[in-house]
Amino acid sequence: MTTTTLARPIQAQHQAPAGSALAIILLAISAFIIVTTEFIIVGLLPNLARDLGVSIGTAGWLVTLFAFTVMLCGPVLTGLVAHFDRKRLFVVLLLVFAGSNALAAAAPNIWILGLGRLLPALALPVFWGTASETAGVLAGPEKAAKAVANVYMGIAGAMVFGIPLGTLAGDAFGWRGTFWGLSALSLLMAGLLAWVMPRIAKPVKIELGDQLRTLKDRALLGNLVLSIAVFTAMFTAYTYLADLLERIAGIPSSAVGWWLMGFGVIGLGGNWLGGRLVDRSPLAATLAGVVLLAIGMTATSPLAGNHVWLALALGVWGLANTALYPICQVRVMRAAGPAQALAGTLNVSMANAGIGLGAIIGGAVIETIGIARIGYVASAIAVVAMLLVPVVARLSRKDA
């Protein structure tokens, strides 16, 4: 039996303690800041690469570092600390983000900046694994679902608005200014949660051994591999989208953030569409999403010369990109049967594996055959994901 533990879900309280509603709002805002910290690097890559005197491919390794750290350390770290007092845990996590963003802002070279990215990557999966559950407890059983949805709205908001707003801030105040801003916001949230959030009963530890036996399920393993392929395809191109818009489409750096904003706003429709499609058939929804993703990524470079057609291609890409987040999460969790909490954490880890691999592949493509072809390579990986769908379907039927 492994000694690694996860927290048993905290028992719902009959009445929400005082300050719970405001604490849930603060958790949602914290989620926005934390997830923005993870992905903001996408919009800042061109500027920080120029400032630090490194290639865009080398700067892309910062995405890989963050993603692989989450992948390798997330489930274990979450298991080790998930039974801690939640108020203290969230305050410490936000202080880690405040300090690491400050370190990134002051970094004199790519190595110190890498350290500033490593530290929040250790803290992020712990927040992911505990925030929504805690929000449900704070709200009480009758309002738990709404509270959890509010925390996830902060995460979705970061994907839609955090990255482009950070990119615009980076253009106005420099990429260091963006990290200083995230540091200040993290520190503010730490102070507000320390002041407002009520204390709740500590969750108890449970052994992970029984849950880990789920990993013997071939259908679950197949779904996890499929998630790696999907996210590798997504982030081979998305990691370098800001650079692509500047260099291939000729978008001024001051306007890139607005284009990313449009990409994200369209993605809101993808989030809704993905939620609707996945209820009918998770694998069919995955296939549809990946097909649209490939079409959008393939079309972007050839249409870059006409900004109207470019916007249409990016719209298809953005719709599919955001839809695949909930589709992959639900698909893996349904494949896991009763061990859905573990499956959700594993899918986040596998998604980060794909994010890291995508950043590596995309950087290599840029340095060898040029950024204009990055959409084609990403689409080829998406085709691999398409081919995996019937394989996973067969595994699911065999294990049924």
Protein backbone atom coordinates (compact mmCIF):
# COMPACT_ATOMS: atom_id res chain seq x y z
CA MET A 1 0.00 0.00 0.00
CA THR A 2 1.46 3.34 -0.98
CA THR A 3 2.03 5.93 1.70
CA THR A 4 0.92 8.75 -0.60
CA THR A 5 -2.45 10.08 0.49
CA LEU A 6 -5.26 12.18 -0.78
CA ALA A 7 -7.80 13.97 1.30
CA ARG A 8 -11.19 12.40 1.72
CA PRO A 9 -13.82 14.91 0.60
CA ILE A 10 -14.56 17.32 3.44
CA GLN A 11 -17.90 16.65 5.01
CA ALA A 12 -20.39 19.29 3.97
CA GLN A 13 -21.48 21.55 6.80
CA HIS A 14 -25.18 22.08 7.43
CA GLN A 15 -24.84 25.87 7.50
CA ALA A 16 -22.34 28.02 5.67
CA PRO A 17 -20.03 29.81 8.15
CA ALA A 18 -19.89 33.61 8.23
CA GLY A 19 -17.79 35.10 5.46
CA SER A 20 -18.20 32.09 3.18
CA ALA A 21 -19.75 33.95 0.25
CA LEU A 22 -16.92 36.50 0.10
CA ALA A 23 -14.31 33.76 0.59
CA ILE A 24 -15.71 31.87 -2.42
CA ILE A 25 -15.48 35.03 -4.54
CA LEU A 26 -11.88 35.49 -3.39
CA LEU A 27 -11.09 31.86 -4.30
CA ALA A 28 -12.51 32.47 -7.79
CA ILE A 29 -10.38 35.61 -8.18
CA SER A 30 -7.37 33.68 -6.88
CA ALA A 31 -8.05 30.97 -9.46
CA PHE A 32 -8.08 33.66 -12.15
CA ILE A 33 -4.70 34.99 -10.99
CA ILE A 34 -3.11 31.56 -10.60
CA VAL A 35 -4.18 30.22 -13.99
CA THR A 36 -3.27 33.52 -15.63
CA THR A 37 0.20 33.09 -14.11
CA GLU A 38 0.48 29.68 -15.79
CA PHE A 39 -0.50 30.76 -19.29
CA ILE A 40 0.49 34.44 -19.43
CA ILE A 41 3.90 33.41 -20.72
CA VAL A 42 2.26 32.61 -24.08
CA GLY A 43 1.53 36.27 -24.72
CA LEU A 44 4.85 37.52 -23.34
CA LEU A 45 7.23 35.16 -25.18
CA PRO A 46 8.19 37.51 -28.05
CA ASN A 47 9.01 40.44 -25.75
CA LEU A 48 10.89 38.52 -23.08
CA ALA A 49 12.86 36.57 -25.68
CA ARG A 50 14.03 39.84 -27.22
CA ASP A 51 14.78 41.40 -23.84
CA LEU A 52 16.76 38.44 -22.49
CA GLY A 53 18.56 37.85 -25.77
CA VAL A 54 17.34 34.29 -26.37
CA SER A 55 15.52 32.67 -29.28
CA ILE A 56 11.76 32.21 -29.20
CA GLY A 57 12.32 28.44 -29.09
CA THR A 58 14.54 28.76 -26.01
CA ALA A 59 11.97 31.00 -24.33
CA GLY A 60 9.35 28.36 -25.12
CA TRP A 61 11.14 26.00 -22.73
CA LEU A 62 9.65 28.11 -19.92
CA VAL A 63 6.24 26.72 -20.93
CA THR A 64 7.65 23.18 -20.92
CA LEU A 65 9.27 23.67 -17.50
CA PHE A 66 6.00 24.80 -15.95
CA ALA A 67 3.93 22.09 -17.59
CA PHE A 68 6.28 19.20 -16.82
CA THR A 69 6.59 20.32 -13.19
CA VAL A 70 2.81 20.26 -12.83
CA MET A 71 2.67 16.88 -14.57
CA LEU A 72 5.33 15.22 -12.42
CA CYS A 73 4.63 16.79 -9.04
CA GLY A 74 0.93 17.64 -9.10
CA PRO A 75 -0.74 14.43 -7.91
CA VAL A 76 1.90 13.71 -5.25
CA LEU A 77 2.02 17.24 -3.83
CA THR A 78 -1.76 17.49 -3.77
CA GLY A 79 -1.94 14.20 -1.92
CA LEU A 80 0.66 15.26 0.63
CA VAL A 81 -0.96 18.56 1.61
CA ALA A 82 -4.66 18.16 0.79
CA HIS A 83 -5.47 17.36 4.44
CA PHE A 84 -3.89 20.60 5.69
CA ASP A 85 -5.93 23.44 7.16
CA ARG A 86 -7.39 25.01 4.03
CA LYS A 87 -7.22 28.65 5.10
CA ARG A 88 -3.50 28.42 5.86
CA LEU A 89 -2.90 26.33 2.74
CA PHE A 90 -4.43 28.89 0.36
CA VAL A 91 -2.64 31.79 2.03
CA VAL A 92 0.71 29.98 1.68
CA LEU A 93 0.00 29.07 -1.95
CA LEU A 94 -0.78 32.67 -2.84
CA LEU A 95 2.34 33.88 -1.04
CA VAL A 96 4.32 31.41 -3.18
CA PHE A 97 2.76 32.93 -6.29
CA ALA A 98 3.48 36.46 -5.04
CA GLY A 99 7.13 35.68 -4.37
CA SER A 100 7.73 33.68 -7.54
CA ASN A 101 6.10 36.31 -9.79
CA ALA A 102 8.26 38.96 -8.15
CA LEU A 103 11.32 36.80 -8.82
CA ALA A 104 10.28 36.42 -12.46
CA ALA A 105 9.78 40.18 -12.78
CA ALA A 106 13.27 40.89 -11.43
CA ALA A 107 15.00 38.04 -13.28
CA PRO A 108 18.27 39.18 -14.91
CA ASN A 109 18.46 36.13 -17.18
CA ILE A 110 16.51 33.14 -18.46
CA TRP A 111 17.77 30.88 -15.64
CA ILE A 112 16.39 33.02 -12.82
CA LEU A 113 13.20 33.47 -14.80
CA GLY A 114 13.02 29.68 -15.03
CA LEU A 115 13.21 29.45 -11.23
CA GLY A 116 10.44 32.02 -11.03
CA ARG A 117 8.33 29.71 -13.19
CA LEU A 118 9.25 26.49 -11.39
CA LEU A 119 8.00 27.57 -7.95
CA PRO A 120 4.41 28.44 -8.97
CA ALA A 121 4.25 25.24 -11.01
CA LEU A 122 4.66 23.35 -7.74
CA ALA A 123 1.84 25.30 -6.10
CA LEU A 124 -0.68 25.42 -8.95
CA PRO A 125 -1.87 21.76 -8.93
CA VAL A 126 -2.40 21.92 -5.17
CA PHE A 127 -4.73 24.88 -5.66
CA TRP A 128 -6.48 23.09 -8.56
CA GLY A 129 -6.97 19.98 -6.43
CA THR A 130 -8.44 21.71 -3.37
CA ALA A 131 -10.10 25.05 -4.26
CA SER A 132 -13.35 23.86 -5.83
CA GLU A 133 -13.89 21.24 -3.13
CA THR A 134 -13.33 23.86 -0.41
CA ALA A 135 -15.72 26.28 -2.09
CA GLY A 136 -18.43 23.61 -2.01
CA VAL A 137 -17.91 23.09 1.72
CA LEU A 138 -17.96 26.81 2.44
CA ALA A 139 -21.24 27.23 0.55
CA GLY A 140 -23.02 24.31 2.19
CA PRO A 141 -24.75 21.36 0.48
CA GLU A 142 -27.57 23.39 -1.11
CA LYS A 143 -25.27 25.87 -2.84
CA ALA A 144 -22.19 23.69 -3.31
CA ALA A 145 -22.59 23.19 -7.06
CA LYS A 146 -22.92 26.93 -7.70
CA ALA A 147 -19.86 27.63 -5.55
CA VAL A 148 -17.76 25.10 -7.45
CA ALA A 149 -18.94 26.59 -10.73
CA ASN A 150 -17.87 30.04 -9.52
CA VAL A 151 -14.32 28.83 -8.88
CA TYR A 152 -14.17 27.24 -12.33
CA MET A 153 -15.46 30.52 -13.79
CA GLY A 154 -12.28 32.11 -12.45
CA ILE A 155 -10.25 29.47 -14.26
CA ALA A 156 -12.20 29.93 -17.50
CA GLY A 157 -11.89 33.70 -17.14
CA ALA A 158 -8.12 33.38 -16.96
CA MET A 159 -8.07 31.43 -20.21
CA VAL A 160 -10.32 33.95 -21.96
CA PHE A 161 -9.26 37.31 -20.49
CA GLY A 162 -6.19 36.82 -18.29
CA ILE A 163 -3.75 36.02 -21.10
CA PRO A 164 -4.77 38.83 -23.48
CA LEU A 165 -5.05 41.40 -20.67
CA GLY A 166 -1.62 40.38 -19.42
CA THR A 167 -0.29 40.68 -22.97
CA LEU A 168 -1.71 44.19 -23.28
CA ALA A 169 -0.21 45.07 -19.89
CA GLY A 170 3.10 43.64 -21.07
CA ASP A 171 3.02 45.88 -24.12
CA ALA A 172 2.16 48.93 -21.99
CA PHE A 173 4.45 48.31 -19.00
CA GLY A 174 6.85 45.63 -20.25
CA TRP A 175 6.73 41.91 -19.53
CA ARG A 176 8.31 42.54 -16.14
CA GLY A 177 5.45 44.87 -15.30
CA THR A 178 2.98 42.06 -15.98
CA PHE A 179 4.75 39.78 -13.50
CA TRP A 180 4.94 42.59 -10.92
CA GLY A 181 1.20 43.05 -11.32
CA LEU A 182 0.52 39.34 -10.81
CA SER A 183 2.76 39.40 -7.74
CA ALA A 184 0.85 42.30 -6.20
CA LEU A 185 -2.51 40.69 -6.94
CA SER A 186 -1.39 37.38 -5.41
CA LEU A 187 -0.21 39.17 -2.27
CA LEU A 188 -3.50 41.04 -2.05
CA MET A 189 -5.50 37.79 -2.33
CA ALA A 190 -3.35 36.15 0.36
CA GLY A 191 -4.10 39.01 2.73
CA LEU A 192 -7.81 39.08 1.97
CA LEU A 193 -8.22 35.31 2.39
CA ALA A 194 -6.30 35.42 5.67
CA TRP A 195 -8.71 38.09 6.85
CA VAL A 196 -12.02 36.83 5.42
CA MET A 197 -11.94 33.05 4.98
CA PRO A 198 -13.50 31.11 7.87
CA ARG A 199 -11.79 28.04 9.22
CA ILE A 200 -13.36 24.72 8.29
CA ALA A 201 -12.81 21.20 9.53
CA LYS A 202 -9.64 19.56 8.27
CA PRO A 203 -10.18 16.70 5.81
CA VAL A 204 -8.85 13.32 6.86
CA LYS A 205 -6.27 11.31 4.97
CA ILE A 206 -7.07 8.24 2.93
CA GLU A 207 -4.71 5.82 1.25
CA LEU A 208 -4.27 6.09 -2.48
CA GLY A 209 -3.59 2.41 -3.08
CA ASP A 210 -7.16 1.40 -3.92
CA GLN A 211 -7.62 4.34 -6.25
CA LEU A 212 -4.34 3.70 -8.03
CA ARG A 213 -5.57 0.24 -8.98
CA THR A 214 -7.80 2.10 -11.43
CA LEU A 215 -4.68 2.66 -13.53
CA LYS A 216 -4.83 -1.01 -14.53
CA ASP A 217 -7.93 -0.12 -16.55
CA ARG A 218 -6.89 -0.09 -20.23
CA ALA A 219 -9.73 2.22 -21.21
CA LEU A 220 -8.63 4.83 -18.67
CA LEU A 221 -5.00 4.56 -19.80
CA GLY A 222 -6.10 4.94 -23.42
CA ASN A 223 -8.08 8.06 -22.55
CA LEU A 224 -5.08 9.54 -20.75
CA VAL A 225 -2.85 8.91 -23.79
CA LEU A 226 -5.50 10.54 -25.97
CA SER A 227 -5.43 13.62 -23.73
CA ILE A 228 -1.65 13.86 -24.15
CA ALA A 229 -2.04 13.76 -27.94
CA VAL A 230 -4.83 16.37 -27.94
CA PHE A 231 -2.95 18.85 -25.74
CA THR A 232 0.30 18.30 -27.62
CA ALA A 233 -1.50 19.26 -30.83
CA MET A 234 -3.10 22.28 -29.17
CA PHE A 235 0.05 23.71 -27.63
CA THR A 236 2.47 22.99 -30.47
CA ALA A 237 0.89 26.02 -32.15
CA TYR A 238 -0.90 27.89 -29.34
CA THR A 239 2.31 28.41 -27.34
CA TYR A 240 3.66 30.53 -30.19
CA LEU A 241 0.41 32.18 -31.32
CA ALA A 242 1.53 35.67 -30.27
CA ASP A 243 4.78 35.27 -32.22
CA LEU A 244 2.88 33.91 -35.22
CA LEU A 245 0.53 36.90 -35.22
CA GLU A 246 3.49 39.31 -35.15
CA ARG A 247 5.78 37.64 -37.66
CA ILE A 248 3.43 35.99 -40.15
CA ALA A 249 0.27 38.10 -40.00
CA GLY A 250 2.11 41.37 -39.40
CA ILE A 251 -0.02 42.30 -36.39
CA PRO A 252 1.65 45.13 -34.40
CA SER A 253 2.80 43.99 -30.96
CA SER A 254 0.49 46.59 -29.39
CA ALA A 255 -2.51 44.88 -31.03
CA VAL A 256 -1.59 41.22 -30.37
CA GLY A 257 -3.32 41.26 -27.00
CA TRP A 258 -6.60 42.29 -28.65
CA TRP A 259 -6.35 39.44 -31.14
CA LEU A 260 -5.73 37.03 -28.26
CA MET A 261 -8.74 38.55 -26.51
CA GLY A 262 -10.90 37.76 -29.55
CA PHE A 263 -9.48 34.24 -29.64
CA GLY A 264 -10.49 33.79 -26.00
CA VAL A 265 -13.94 35.36 -26.30
CA ILE A 266 -14.81 33.00 -29.13
CA GLY A 267 -13.49 30.26 -26.88
CA LEU A 268 -16.32 30.97 -24.44
CA GLY A 269 -18.66 29.59 -27.08
CA GLY A 270 -16.37 26.58 -27.38
CA ASN A 271 -16.60 25.98 -23.63
CA TRP A 272 -20.40 25.94 -23.87
CA LEU A 273 -20.36 23.77 -27.00
CA GLY A 274 -17.92 21.30 -25.48
CA GLY A 275 -20.11 20.95 -22.40
CA ARG A 276 -23.13 20.18 -24.56
CA LEU A 277 -21.39 17.70 -26.88
CA VAL A 278 -19.56 15.74 -24.20
CA ASP A 279 -22.82 14.76 -22.50
CA ARG A 280 -23.84 12.82 -25.59
CA SER A 281 -20.58 11.05 -26.37
CA PRO A 282 -17.18 12.06 -24.90
CA LEU A 283 -15.19 10.29 -27.62
CA ALA A 284 -17.31 11.66 -30.49
CA ALA A 285 -16.99 15.14 -28.96
CA THR A 286 -13.22 14.71 -28.78
CA LEU A 287 -13.08 13.67 -32.43
CA ALA A 288 -15.20 16.64 -33.53
CA GLY A 289 -13.11 19.04 -31.48
CA VAL A 290 -9.82 17.76 -32.84
CA VAL A 291 -11.06 17.92 -36.44
CA LEU A 292 -12.07 21.56 -35.99
CA LEU A 293 -8.76 22.27 -34.25
CA ALA A 294 -6.79 20.85 -37.18
CA ILE A 295 -8.82 22.87 -39.69
CA GLY A 296 -8.28 26.11 -37.80
CA MET A 297 -4.55 25.60 -37.22
CA THR A 298 -3.93 24.51 -40.81
CA ALA A 299 -5.73 27.53 -42.24
CA THR A 300 -4.06 30.19 -40.10
CA SER A 301 -0.75 30.67 -41.95
CA PRO A 302 -2.16 30.56 -45.52
CA LEU A 303 -4.82 33.11 -44.56
CA ALA A 304 -2.50 35.37 -42.54
CA GLY A 305 -2.26 37.92 -45.35
CA ASN A 306 -5.98 38.72 -45.17
CA HIS A 307 -6.98 39.71 -41.64
CA VAL A 308 -10.68 38.99 -42.19
CA TRP A 309 -9.98 35.41 -43.26
CA LEU A 310 -7.33 35.13 -40.54
CA ALA A 311 -9.92 36.08 -37.94
CA LEU A 312 -12.23 33.36 -39.29
CA ALA A 313 -9.47 30.72 -39.08
CA LEU A 314 -8.58 31.83 -35.56
CA GLY A 315 -12.26 31.68 -34.65
CA VAL A 316 -12.47 28.02 -35.65
CA TRP A 317 -9.20 27.32 -33.83
CA GLY A 318 -10.31 29.17 -30.68
CA LEU A 319 -13.70 27.46 -30.63
CA ALA A 320 -12.13 24.00 -30.78
CA ASN A 321 -9.23 24.87 -28.47
CA THR A 322 -11.44 25.87 -25.54
CA ALA A 323 -14.05 23.17 -26.16
CA LEU A 324 -11.44 20.46 -25.74
CA TYR A 325 -10.65 21.45 -22.13
CA PRO A 326 -13.96 20.29 -20.60
CA ILE A 327 -14.34 17.51 -23.18
CA CYS A 328 -11.05 15.88 -22.18
CA GLN A 329 -11.67 16.32 -18.45
CA VAL A 330 -15.15 14.77 -18.56
CA ARG A 331 -14.04 11.99 -20.92
CA VAL A 332 -11.26 10.83 -18.62
CA MET A 333 -13.32 11.13 -15.45
CA ARG A 334 -16.16 9.06 -16.92
CA ALA A 335 -13.69 6.39 -17.97
CA ALA A 336 -12.46 6.07 -14.38
CA GLY A 337 -15.69 4.91 -12.80
CA PRO A 338 -15.69 5.61 -9.05
CA ALA A 339 -12.15 7.06 -8.91
CA GLN A 340 -13.12 10.27 -10.66
CA ALA A 341 -11.19 12.62 -8.36
CA LEU A 342 -7.95 10.78 -9.08
CA ALA A 343 -8.79 10.65 -12.78
CA GLY A 344 -9.38 14.39 -12.85
CA THR A 345 -5.98 15.04 -11.30
CA LEU A 346 -4.30 12.60 -13.68
CA ASN A 347 -5.93 14.26 -16.68
CA VAL A 348 -4.57 17.64 -15.56
CA SER A 349 -1.12 16.03 -15.33
CA MET A 350 -1.43 14.46 -18.78
CA ALA A 351 -2.71 17.73 -20.22
CA ASN A 352 0.41 19.42 -18.87
CA ALA A 353 2.52 16.66 -20.41
CA GLY A 354 0.96 17.59 -23.74
CA ILE A 355 1.47 21.31 -23.09
CA GLY A 356 5.16 20.72 -22.39
CA LEU A 357 5.66 18.45 -25.40
CA GLY A 358 3.81 20.88 -27.62
CA ALA A 359 6.06 23.75 -26.55
CA ILE A 360 9.15 21.64 -27.29
CA ILE A 361 7.89 20.54 -30.70
CA GLY A 362 6.71 24.01 -31.66
CA GLY A 363 10.04 25.55 -30.67
CA ALA A 364 11.90 22.96 -32.74
CA VAL A 365 9.63 23.62 -35.72
CA ILE A 366 10.29 27.37 -35.54
CA GLU A 367 14.07 26.90 -35.40
CA THR A 368 14.22 24.32 -38.21
CA ILE A 369 11.51 24.93 -40.81
CA GLY A 370 10.02 28.23 -39.65
CA ILE A 371 7.01 29.48 -37.74
CA ALA A 372 4.87 29.63 -40.91
CA ARG A 373 4.69 25.82 -40.87
CA ILE A 374 3.88 25.40 -37.20
CA GLY A 375 0.15 25.03 -37.87
CA TYR A 376 0.76 22.16 -40.28
CA VAL A 377 2.88 20.24 -37.76
CA ALA A 378 0.33 20.83 -35.01
CA SER A 379 -2.43 19.61 -37.33
CA ALA A 380 -0.44 16.44 -38.09
CA ILE A 381 -0.36 15.72 -34.35
CA ALA A 382 -4.10 16.37 -34.25
CA VAL A 383 -4.52 13.69 -36.93
CA VAL A 384 -2.68 11.27 -34.62
CA ALA A 385 -5.24 12.13 -31.93
CA MET A 386 -8.05 11.44 -34.41
CA LEU A 387 -6.61 8.00 -35.13
CA LEU A 388 -6.43 7.26 -31.40
CA VAL A 389 -10.17 7.84 -30.91
CA PRO A 390 -11.34 4.50 -32.43
CA VAL A 391 -8.55 2.68 -30.56
CA VAL A 392 -9.78 4.10 -27.25
CA ALA A 393 -13.36 3.26 -28.23
CA ARG A 394 -12.38 -0.39 -28.76
CA LEU A 395 -10.59 -0.50 -25.39
CA SER A 396 -13.68 0.95 -23.72
CA ARG A 397 -15.92 -1.72 -25.26
CA LYS A 398 -13.56 -4.51 -24.19
CA ASP A 399 -13.52 -3.29 -20.58
CA ALA A 400 -17.27 -2.69 -20.45
